[in-house]
Amino acid sequence: MHNYQIAHRAQIGVIIPSTNTGVEYDLQKFALDGVTWHPSRFWIELRDWASEVQQSGDNENTVFERFLDLIRDEIPLSIRNVLSAKVKHIMLGMSAETFWGGLDGNLRFEEQIRAQIGDMGLTTGATATRMALEKFGAKKISVITPYPQVGDDNVYRFFTDIGFQVHKVKGLNRPSATAIAETPIQQVIDAIYEVDGNDVDAIVQCGTNLSTLDLFPTFEHILGKPLLPINQATVWHALRSCGIEDRITGKGRLLEEF
């Protein structure tokens, strides 16, 4: 008999931006017995990038980088708060920061998080998608993001740094942090077809507020290849890191096969 009334298998802390509604929407689809998810929000000061471009006169790439600079001081507070719940694993429900600066930037970012959480398990979007792609043996990939060009450039850099051939990165360039979750489904479908190719082994979607968990598993059957939503990849990585090997049907090949 276990000693917990609930969450006898895993209590997972999830670090998300204050503007994000996509991560929790996706997590609600993973109601596994003995597993609980505990989101902790960090404050997003710069939410409307399009308005900031107009007001400041800076271009969208500069504004997006300013957005990331502002959140760096906020993330540790969010982690501090959820650690007080005695969670057993930390999952980052935000992805742009984990790709920034390519592999070197990713490693520095993860080191900063580990300095705060000690030897507790950590899941990031960049590492989770890399491990998922390796499971499928993918070599050539395409990526869909909600970012402006500078975000796409950093995603491209990360995946090429770790040895993947990147066929295409399609940025949807959403105007604000909340607008990512409001992306029209048809726009995502158009992006899937735009980045696909006969020699593309897998398609990755970055940007945790862009939920594609309802869409990508179906397109895996249509295209005959893995499609990896970042939230799916981080859930998979977090569960497996906690020793939970449940095969989950209907949420994509990654969770069904590995």
C-alpha atoms as a PDB file:
ATOM      1  CA  MET A   1       0.000   0.000   0.000  1.00  0.00           C
ATOM      2  CA  HIS A   2       1.300   3.429  -0.909  1.00  0.00           C
ATOM      3  CA  ASN A   3       1.400   6.305   1.554  1.00  0.00           C
ATOM      4  CA  TYR A   4      -0.197   8.914  -0.680  1.00  0.00           C
ATOM      5  CA  GLN A   5      -3.906   9.576  -1.012  1.00  0.00           C
ATOM      6  CA  ILE A   6      -3.222  10.961  -4.499  1.00  0.00           C
ATOM      7  CA  ALA A   7      -0.237  11.150  -6.830  1.00  0.00           C
ATOM      8  CA  HIS A   8       1.443   7.982  -5.586  1.00  0.00           C
ATOM      9  CA  ARG A   9       3.341   7.718  -8.896  1.00  0.00           C
ATOM     10  CA  ALA A  10       4.357  11.295  -9.696  1.00  0.00           C
ATOM     11  CA  GLN A  11       3.797  14.919  -8.723  1.00  0.00           C
ATOM     12  CA  ILE A  12       5.054  17.040 -11.609  1.00  0.00           C
ATOM     13  CA  GLY A  13       5.547  20.799 -11.340  1.00  0.00           C
ATOM     14  CA  VAL A  14       4.904  22.646 -14.606  1.00  0.00           C
ATOM     15  CA  ILE A  15       6.393  26.100 -15.207  1.00  0.00           C
ATOM     16  CA  ILE A  16       4.262  28.160 -17.590  1.00  0.00           C
ATOM     17  CA  PRO A  17       3.957  31.801 -18.708  1.00  0.00           C
ATOM     18  CA  SER A  18       1.097  33.734 -17.093  1.00  0.00           C
ATOM     19  CA  THR A  19      -0.453  34.184 -20.551  1.00  0.00           C
ATOM     20  CA  ASN A  20      -0.397  30.487 -21.459  1.00  0.00           C
ATOM     21  CA  THR A  21      -3.636  28.496 -21.764  1.00  0.00           C
ATOM     22  CA  GLY A  22      -2.396  25.792 -24.150  1.00  0.00           C
ATOM     23  CA  VAL A  23      -0.305  23.785 -21.704  1.00  0.00           C
ATOM     24  CA  GLU A  24      -3.090  23.238 -19.181  1.00  0.00           C
ATOM     25  CA  TYR A  25      -5.538  22.405 -21.978  1.00  0.00           C
ATOM     26  CA  ASP A  26      -3.215  19.650 -23.135  1.00  0.00           C
ATOM     27  CA  LEU A  27      -2.393  18.411 -19.635  1.00  0.00           C
ATOM     28  CA  GLN A  28      -6.075  17.883 -18.899  1.00  0.00           C
ATOM     29  CA  LYS A  29      -6.003  15.152 -21.533  1.00  0.00           C
ATOM     30  CA  PHE A  30      -3.513  13.137 -19.483  1.00  0.00           C
ATOM     31  CA  ALA A  31      -5.552  12.113 -16.456  1.00  0.00           C
ATOM     32  CA  LEU A  32      -3.369   9.192 -15.407  1.00  0.00           C
ATOM     33  CA  ASP A  33      -4.045   7.417 -12.129  1.00  0.00           C
ATOM     34  CA  GLY A  34      -1.536   8.432  -9.506  1.00  0.00           C
ATOM     35  CA  VAL A  35      -0.115  11.347 -11.506  1.00  0.00           C
ATOM     36  CA  THR A  36      -0.801  15.010 -10.805  1.00  0.00           C
ATOM     37  CA  TRP A  37       0.320  18.106 -12.722  1.00  0.00           C
ATOM     38  CA  HIS A  38       0.964  21.334 -10.800  1.00  0.00           C
ATOM     39  CA  PRO A  39       1.260  24.457 -12.984  1.00  0.00           C
ATOM     40  CA  SER A  40       3.086  27.487 -11.613  1.00  0.00           C
ATOM     41  CA  ARG A  41       2.871  30.703 -13.599  1.00  0.00           C
ATOM     42  CA  PHE A  42       5.550  33.310 -14.141  1.00  0.00           C
ATOM     43  CA  TRP A  43       4.601  36.899 -14.959  1.00  0.00           C
ATOM     44  CA  ILE A  44       4.619  38.095 -18.584  1.00  0.00           C
ATOM     45  CA  GLU A  45       5.024  41.868 -18.653  1.00  0.00           C
ATOM     46  CA  LEU A  46       5.348  42.283 -22.422  1.00  0.00           C
ATOM     47  CA  ARG A  47       2.296  40.504 -23.796  1.00  0.00           C
ATOM     48  CA  ASP A  48       1.298  42.383 -26.962  1.00  0.00           C
ATOM     49  CA  TRP A  49       4.271  42.314 -29.307  1.00  0.00           C
ATOM     50  CA  ALA A  50       2.490  43.990 -32.214  1.00  0.00           C
ATOM     51  CA  SER A  51       1.537  46.989 -30.073  1.00  0.00           C
ATOM     52  CA  GLU A  52       5.079  47.193 -28.711  1.00  0.00           C
ATOM     53  CA  VAL A  53       6.433  47.277 -32.264  1.00  0.00           C
ATOM     54  CA  GLN A  54       4.163  50.228 -33.070  1.00  0.00           C
ATOM     55  CA  GLN A  55       4.890  52.116 -29.862  1.00  0.00           C
ATOM     56  CA  SER A  56       8.639  51.565 -29.696  1.00  0.00           C
ATOM     57  CA  GLY A  57       9.471  51.657 -33.379  1.00  0.00           C
ATOM     58  CA  ASP A  58      11.589  48.532 -32.935  1.00  0.00           C
ATOM     59  CA  ASN A  59      11.157  45.578 -35.255  1.00  0.00           C
ATOM     60  CA  GLU A  60       9.351  42.404 -34.226  1.00  0.00           C
ATOM     61  CA  ASN A  61      12.578  40.465 -33.684  1.00  0.00           C
ATOM     62  CA  THR A  62      13.919  43.045 -31.216  1.00  0.00           C
ATOM     63  CA  VAL A  63      10.610  43.115 -29.347  1.00  0.00           C
ATOM     64  CA  PHE A  64      10.512  39.320 -29.074  1.00  0.00           C
ATOM     65  CA  GLU A  65      14.038  39.244 -27.666  1.00  0.00           C
ATOM     66  CA  ARG A  66      13.024  41.938 -25.151  1.00  0.00           C
ATOM     67  CA  PHE A  67      10.074  39.735 -24.190  1.00  0.00           C
ATOM     68  CA  LEU A  68      12.468  36.866 -23.430  1.00  0.00           C
ATOM     69  CA  ASP A  69      14.819  39.126 -21.467  1.00  0.00           C
ATOM     70  CA  LEU A  70      11.967  40.213 -19.223  1.00  0.00           C
ATOM     71  CA  ILE A  71      10.889  36.688 -18.338  1.00  0.00           C
ATOM     72  CA  ARG A  72      14.353  35.488 -17.283  1.00  0.00           C
ATOM     73  CA  ASP A  73      14.003  37.134 -13.871  1.00  0.00           C
ATOM     74  CA  GLU A  74      10.471  35.790 -13.422  1.00  0.00           C
ATOM     75  CA  ILE A  75      11.074  32.076 -14.019  1.00  0.00           C
ATOM     76  CA  PRO A  76      12.982  31.398 -10.760  1.00  0.00           C
ATOM     77  CA  LEU A  77      10.066  32.779  -8.727  1.00  0.00           C
ATOM     78  CA  SER A  78       7.667  30.400 -10.433  1.00  0.00           C
ATOM     79  CA  ILE A  79       9.990  27.472  -9.748  1.00  0.00           C
ATOM     80  CA  ARG A  80      10.382  28.542  -6.114  1.00  0.00           C
ATOM     81  CA  ASN A  81       6.632  28.548  -5.648  1.00  0.00           C
ATOM     82  CA  VAL A  82       5.973  25.094  -7.073  1.00  0.00           C
ATOM     83  CA  LEU A  83       8.912  23.527  -5.209  1.00  0.00           C
ATOM     84  CA  SER A  84       7.053  24.337  -2.006  1.00  0.00           C
ATOM     85  CA  ALA A  85       4.470  21.711  -3.043  1.00  0.00           C
ATOM     86  CA  LYS A  86       7.180  19.020  -2.769  1.00  0.00           C
ATOM     87  CA  VAL A  87       6.853  18.048  -6.427  1.00  0.00           C
ATOM     88  CA  LYS A  88       9.138  15.272  -7.669  1.00  0.00           C
ATOM     89  CA  HIS A  89       9.917  16.579 -11.176  1.00  0.00           C
ATOM     90  CA  ILE A  90       9.973  19.924 -12.971  1.00  0.00           C
ATOM     91  CA  MET A  91       8.617  20.300 -16.514  1.00  0.00           C
ATOM     92  CA  LEU A  92       9.022  23.579 -18.376  1.00  0.00           C
ATOM     93  CA  GLY A  93       5.795  24.463 -20.182  1.00  0.00           C
ATOM     94  CA  MET A  94       7.508  27.156 -22.229  1.00  0.00           C
ATOM     95  CA  SER A  95       9.804  26.498 -25.136  1.00  0.00           C
ATOM     96  CA  ALA A  96      11.351  29.564 -26.818  1.00  0.00           C
ATOM     97  CA  GLU A  97      13.838  30.060 -23.995  1.00  0.00           C
ATOM     98  CA  THR A  98      14.958  26.424 -24.179  1.00  0.00           C
ATOM     99  CA  PHE A  99      15.961  26.773 -27.857  1.00  0.00           C
ATOM    100  CA  TRP A 100      17.559  30.217 -27.560  1.00  0.00           C
ATOM    101  CA  GLY A 101      21.211  30.354 -28.453  1.00  0.00           C
ATOM    102  CA  GLY A 102      21.223  26.916 -30.012  1.00  0.00           C
ATOM    103  CA  LEU A 103      22.715  23.976 -28.134  1.00  0.00           C
ATOM    104  CA  ASP A 104      25.059  26.162 -26.064  1.00  0.00           C
ATOM    105  CA  GLY A 105      22.201  28.420 -25.020  1.00  0.00           C
ATOM    106  CA  ASN A 106      20.048  25.427 -24.159  1.00  0.00           C
ATOM    107  CA  LEU A 107      22.756  23.928 -21.950  1.00  0.00           C
ATOM    108  CA  ARG A 108      23.317  27.240 -20.133  1.00  0.00           C
ATOM    109  CA  PHE A 109      19.593  27.647 -19.551  1.00  0.00           C
ATOM    110  CA  GLU A 110      19.204  24.119 -18.201  1.00  0.00           C
ATOM    111  CA  GLU A 111      22.215  24.614 -15.912  1.00  0.00           C
ATOM    112  CA  GLN A 112      20.543  27.692 -14.424  1.00  0.00           C
ATOM    113  CA  ILE A 113      17.383  25.716 -13.712  1.00  0.00           C
ATOM    114  CA  ARG A 114      19.326  22.793 -12.234  1.00  0.00           C
ATOM    115  CA  ALA A 115      21.196  25.172  -9.950  1.00  0.00           C
ATOM    116  CA  GLN A 116      17.826  25.987  -8.383  1.00  0.00           C
ATOM    117  CA  ILE A 117      16.196  22.533  -8.313  1.00  0.00           C
ATOM    118  CA  GLY A 118      19.247  20.425  -7.447  1.00  0.00           C
ATOM    119  CA  ASP A 119      19.154  16.786  -8.501  1.00  0.00           C
ATOM    120  CA  MET A 120      15.406  16.801  -9.176  1.00  0.00           C
ATOM    121  CA  GLY A 121      14.393  15.603 -12.649  1.00  0.00           C
ATOM    122  CA  LEU A 122      13.984  18.278 -15.334  1.00  0.00           C
ATOM    123  CA  THR A 123      12.096  18.293 -18.627  1.00  0.00           C
ATOM    124  CA  THR A 124      12.577  21.025 -21.226  1.00  0.00           C
ATOM    125  CA  GLY A 125      11.002  21.328 -24.653  1.00  0.00           C
ATOM    126  CA  ALA A 126      14.318  21.299 -26.495  1.00  0.00           C
ATOM    127  CA  THR A 127      15.635  18.174 -24.796  1.00  0.00           C
ATOM    128  CA  ALA A 128      12.293  16.359 -24.966  1.00  0.00           C
ATOM    129  CA  THR A 129      11.888  16.929 -28.707  1.00  0.00           C
ATOM    130  CA  ARG A 130      15.487  15.855 -29.352  1.00  0.00           C
ATOM    131  CA  MET A 131      14.964  12.591 -27.487  1.00  0.00           C
ATOM    132  CA  ALA A 132      11.615  11.989 -29.195  1.00  0.00           C
ATOM    133  CA  LEU A 133      13.123  12.510 -32.656  1.00  0.00           C
ATOM    134  CA  GLU A 134      15.930  10.121 -31.783  1.00  0.00           C
ATOM    135  CA  LYS A 135      13.378   7.463 -30.797  1.00  0.00           C
ATOM    136  CA  PHE A 136      11.907   7.656 -34.294  1.00  0.00           C
ATOM    137  CA  GLY A 137      15.329   7.698 -35.929  1.00  0.00           C
ATOM    138  CA  ALA A 138      14.497  10.959 -37.704  1.00  0.00           C
ATOM    139  CA  LYS A 139      17.274  12.670 -39.638  1.00  0.00           C
ATOM    140  CA  LYS A 140      15.520  15.382 -41.667  1.00  0.00           C
ATOM    141  CA  ILE A 141      12.813  17.429 -39.982  1.00  0.00           C
ATOM    142  CA  SER A 142      10.594  20.477 -40.390  1.00  0.00           C
ATOM    143  CA  VAL A 143       9.339  22.745 -37.635  1.00  0.00           C
ATOM    144  CA  ILE A 144       6.232  24.885 -37.090  1.00  0.00           C
ATOM    145  CA  THR A 145       6.393  27.739 -34.572  1.00  0.00           C
ATOM    146  CA  PRO A 146       4.246  30.721 -33.526  1.00  0.00           C
ATOM    147  CA  TYR A 147       7.369  32.903 -33.390  1.00  0.00           C
ATOM    148  CA  PRO A 148       8.722  35.784 -35.485  1.00  0.00           C
ATOM    149  CA  GLN A 149      11.838  35.203 -37.595  1.00  0.00           C
ATOM    150  CA  VAL A 150      14.312  35.550 -34.732  1.00  0.00           C
ATOM    151  CA  GLY A 151      12.560  32.731 -32.888  1.00  0.00           C
ATOM    152  CA  ASP A 152      12.631  30.554 -35.982  1.00  0.00           C
ATOM    153  CA  ASP A 153      16.339  31.282 -36.404  1.00  0.00           C
ATOM    154  CA  ASN A 154      17.077  30.025 -32.902  1.00  0.00           C
ATOM    155  CA  VAL A 155      14.965  26.901 -33.391  1.00  0.00           C
ATOM    156  CA  TYR A 156      16.813  26.213 -36.646  1.00  0.00           C
ATOM    157  CA  ARG A 157      20.131  26.731 -34.920  1.00  0.00           C
ATOM    158  CA  PHE A 158      19.305  24.348 -32.066  1.00  0.00           C
ATOM    159  CA  PHE A 159      18.201  21.464 -34.272  1.00  0.00           C
ATOM    160  CA  THR A 160      21.127  21.864 -36.652  1.00  0.00           C
ATOM    161  CA  ASP A 161      23.521  22.100 -33.683  1.00  0.00           C
ATOM    162  CA  ILE A 162      22.361  18.683 -32.468  1.00  0.00           C
ATOM    163  CA  GLY A 163      22.735  17.085 -35.878  1.00  0.00           C
ATOM    164  CA  PHE A 164      19.369  17.256 -37.622  1.00  0.00           C
ATOM    165  CA  GLN A 165      18.897  18.440 -41.170  1.00  0.00           C
ATOM    166  CA  VAL A 166      16.164  21.082 -41.104  1.00  0.00           C
ATOM    167  CA  HIS A 167      14.085  21.201 -44.274  1.00  0.00           C
ATOM    168  CA  LYS A 168      11.972  24.203 -43.267  1.00  0.00           C
ATOM    169  CA  VAL A 169      10.929  26.264 -40.266  1.00  0.00           C
ATOM    170  CA  LYS A 170       7.528  27.918 -40.621  1.00  0.00           C
ATOM    171  CA  GLY A 171       6.887  30.760 -38.189  1.00  0.00           C
ATOM    172  CA  LEU A 172       3.284  31.871 -37.795  1.00  0.00           C
ATOM    173  CA  ASN A 173       4.463  35.180 -36.291  1.00  0.00           C
ATOM    174  CA  ARG A 174       1.559  35.629 -33.889  1.00  0.00           C
ATOM    175  CA  PRO A 175       1.018  39.223 -32.708  1.00  0.00           C
ATOM    176  CA  SER A 176       0.883  38.574 -28.958  1.00  0.00           C
ATOM    177  CA  ALA A 177       1.518  35.961 -26.288  1.00  0.00           C
ATOM    178  CA  THR A 178      -2.190  35.181 -25.930  1.00  0.00           C
ATOM    179  CA  ALA A 179      -2.796  35.199 -29.690  1.00  0.00           C
ATOM    180  CA  ILE A 180      -0.706  32.052 -29.974  1.00  0.00           C
ATOM    181  CA  ALA A 181      -3.543  30.058 -28.382  1.00  0.00           C
ATOM    182  CA  GLU A 182      -6.008  31.720 -30.770  1.00  0.00           C
ATOM    183  CA  THR A 183      -4.237  30.571 -33.941  1.00  0.00           C
ATOM    184  CA  PRO A 184      -6.851  29.378 -36.474  1.00  0.00           C
ATOM    185  CA  ILE A 185      -6.781  25.636 -37.038  1.00  0.00           C
ATOM    186  CA  GLN A 186      -6.698  26.123 -40.809  1.00  0.00           C
ATOM    187  CA  GLN A 187      -3.514  28.163 -40.446  1.00  0.00           C
ATOM    188  CA  VAL A 188      -1.853  25.265 -38.638  1.00  0.00           C
ATOM    189  CA  ILE A 189      -3.066  22.785 -41.269  1.00  0.00           C
ATOM    190  CA  ASP A 190      -1.700  24.997 -44.045  1.00  0.00           C
ATOM    191  CA  ALA A 191       1.629  25.143 -42.221  1.00  0.00           C
ATOM    192  CA  ILE A 192       1.776  21.338 -41.952  1.00  0.00           C
ATOM    193  CA  TYR A 193       1.437  20.947 -45.702  1.00  0.00           C
ATOM    194  CA  GLU A 194       3.875  23.794 -46.327  1.00  0.00           C
ATOM    195  CA  VAL A 195       6.714  22.273 -44.302  1.00  0.00           C
ATOM    196  CA  ASP A 196       6.115  18.660 -45.289  1.00  0.00           C
ATOM    197  CA  GLY A 197       8.094  16.880 -47.984  1.00  0.00           C
ATOM    198  CA  ASN A 198       8.643  13.352 -49.211  1.00  0.00           C
ATOM    199  CA  ASP A 199      12.068  13.274 -47.581  1.00  0.00           C
ATOM    200  CA  VAL A 200      10.974  14.899 -44.291  1.00  0.00           C
ATOM    201  CA  ASP A 201      11.077  12.260 -41.558  1.00  0.00           C
ATOM    202  CA  ALA A 202       9.155  14.164 -38.869  1.00  0.00           C
ATOM    203  CA  ILE A 203       7.475  17.493 -38.138  1.00  0.00           C
ATOM    204  CA  VAL A 204       7.933  19.273 -34.803  1.00  0.00           C
ATOM    205  CA  GLN A 205       5.698  22.020 -33.403  1.00  0.00           C
ATOM    206  CA  CYS A 206       7.267  24.476 -30.957  1.00  0.00           C
ATOM    207  CA  GLY A 207       5.530  27.073 -28.816  1.00  0.00           C
ATOM    208  CA  THR A 208       3.684  25.569 -25.848  1.00  0.00           C
ATOM    209  CA  ASN A 209       0.671  27.900 -26.108  1.00  0.00           C
ATOM    210  CA  LEU A 210      -0.027  26.563 -29.605  1.00  0.00           C
ATOM    211  CA  SER A 211      -1.916  23.368 -28.811  1.00  0.00           C
ATOM    212  CA  THR A 212      -1.809  20.834 -31.646  1.00  0.00           C
ATOM    213  CA  LEU A 213      -2.586  17.737 -29.607  1.00  0.00           C
ATOM    214  CA  ASP A 214      -6.074  17.538 -31.142  1.00  0.00           C
ATOM    215  CA  LEU A 215      -4.655  17.799 -34.661  1.00  0.00           C
ATOM    216  CA  PHE A 216      -1.245  16.200 -35.018  1.00  0.00           C
ATOM    217  CA  PRO A 217      -2.168  12.577 -34.154  1.00  0.00           C
ATOM    218  CA  THR A 218      -4.631  12.562 -37.067  1.00  0.00           C
ATOM    219  CA  PHE A 219      -2.072  14.032 -39.454  1.00  0.00           C
ATOM    220  CA  GLU A 220       0.358  11.283 -38.501  1.00  0.00           C
ATOM    221  CA  HIS A 221      -2.045   8.926 -40.295  1.00  0.00           C
ATOM    222  CA  ILE A 222      -2.559  11.321 -43.209  1.00  0.00           C
ATOM    223  CA  LEU A 223       1.154  11.945 -43.811  1.00  0.00           C
ATOM    224  CA  GLY A 224       2.497   8.613 -42.600  1.00  0.00           C
ATOM    225  CA  LYS A 225       5.170  10.105 -40.337  1.00  0.00           C
ATOM    226  CA  PRO A 226       5.603  11.336 -36.747  1.00  0.00           C
ATOM    227  CA  LEU A 227       4.270  14.779 -35.872  1.00  0.00           C
ATOM    228  CA  LEU A 228       5.478  15.979 -32.492  1.00  0.00           C
ATOM    229  CA  PRO A 229       3.651  18.707 -30.544  1.00  0.00           C
ATOM    230  CA  ILE A 230       6.017  20.162 -27.978  1.00  0.00           C
ATOM    231  CA  ASN A 231       3.522  19.621 -25.156  1.00  0.00           C
ATOM    232  CA  GLN A 232       3.204  15.972 -26.104  1.00  0.00           C
ATOM    233  CA  ALA A 233       6.988  15.581 -26.125  1.00  0.00           C
ATOM    234  CA  THR A 234       7.423  17.196 -22.706  1.00  0.00           C
ATOM    235  CA  VAL A 235       4.607  15.118 -21.176  1.00  0.00           C
ATOM    236  CA  TRP A 236       6.210  11.966 -22.594  1.00  0.00           C
ATOM    237  CA  HIS A 237       9.668  12.930 -21.316  1.00  0.00           C
ATOM    238  CA  ALA A 238       8.384  13.870 -17.857  1.00  0.00           C
ATOM    239  CA  LEU A 239       6.382  10.675 -17.465  1.00  0.00           C
ATOM    240  CA  ARG A 240       9.193   8.425 -18.635  1.00  0.00           C
ATOM    241  CA  SER A 241      11.683  10.299 -16.424  1.00  0.00           C
ATOM    242  CA  CYS A 242       9.410   9.525 -13.465  1.00  0.00           C
ATOM    243  CA  GLY A 243       9.378   5.841 -14.362  1.00  0.00           C
ATOM    244  CA  ILE A 244       5.835   5.895 -15.746  1.00  0.00           C
ATOM    245  CA  GLU A 245       5.755   3.712 -18.852  1.00  0.00           C
ATOM    246  CA  ASP A 246       2.011   3.802 -19.643  1.00  0.00           C
ATOM    247  CA  ARG A 247       1.247   3.549 -23.351  1.00  0.00           C
ATOM    248  CA  ILE A 248      -1.418   6.153 -24.120  1.00  0.00           C
ATOM    249  CA  THR A 249      -3.546   5.771 -27.243  1.00  0.00           C
ATOM    250  CA  GLY A 250      -5.012   8.587 -29.308  1.00  0.00           C
ATOM    251  CA  LYS A 251      -2.439  11.205 -28.286  1.00  0.00           C
ATOM    252  CA  GLY A 252       0.164  10.471 -30.941  1.00  0.00           C
ATOM    253  CA  ARG A 253       2.659   7.795 -31.861  1.00  0.00           C
ATOM    254  CA  LEU A 254       5.276   8.947 -29.358  1.00  0.00           C
ATOM    255  CA  LEU A 255       3.101   8.029 -26.398  1.00  0.00           C
ATOM    256  CA  GLU A 256       1.747   4.905 -28.080  1.00  0.00           C
ATOM    257  CA  GLU A 257       5.082   3.407 -29.130  1.00  0.00           C
ATOM    258  CA  PHE A 258       7.777   4.570 -26.688  1.00  0.00           C
END
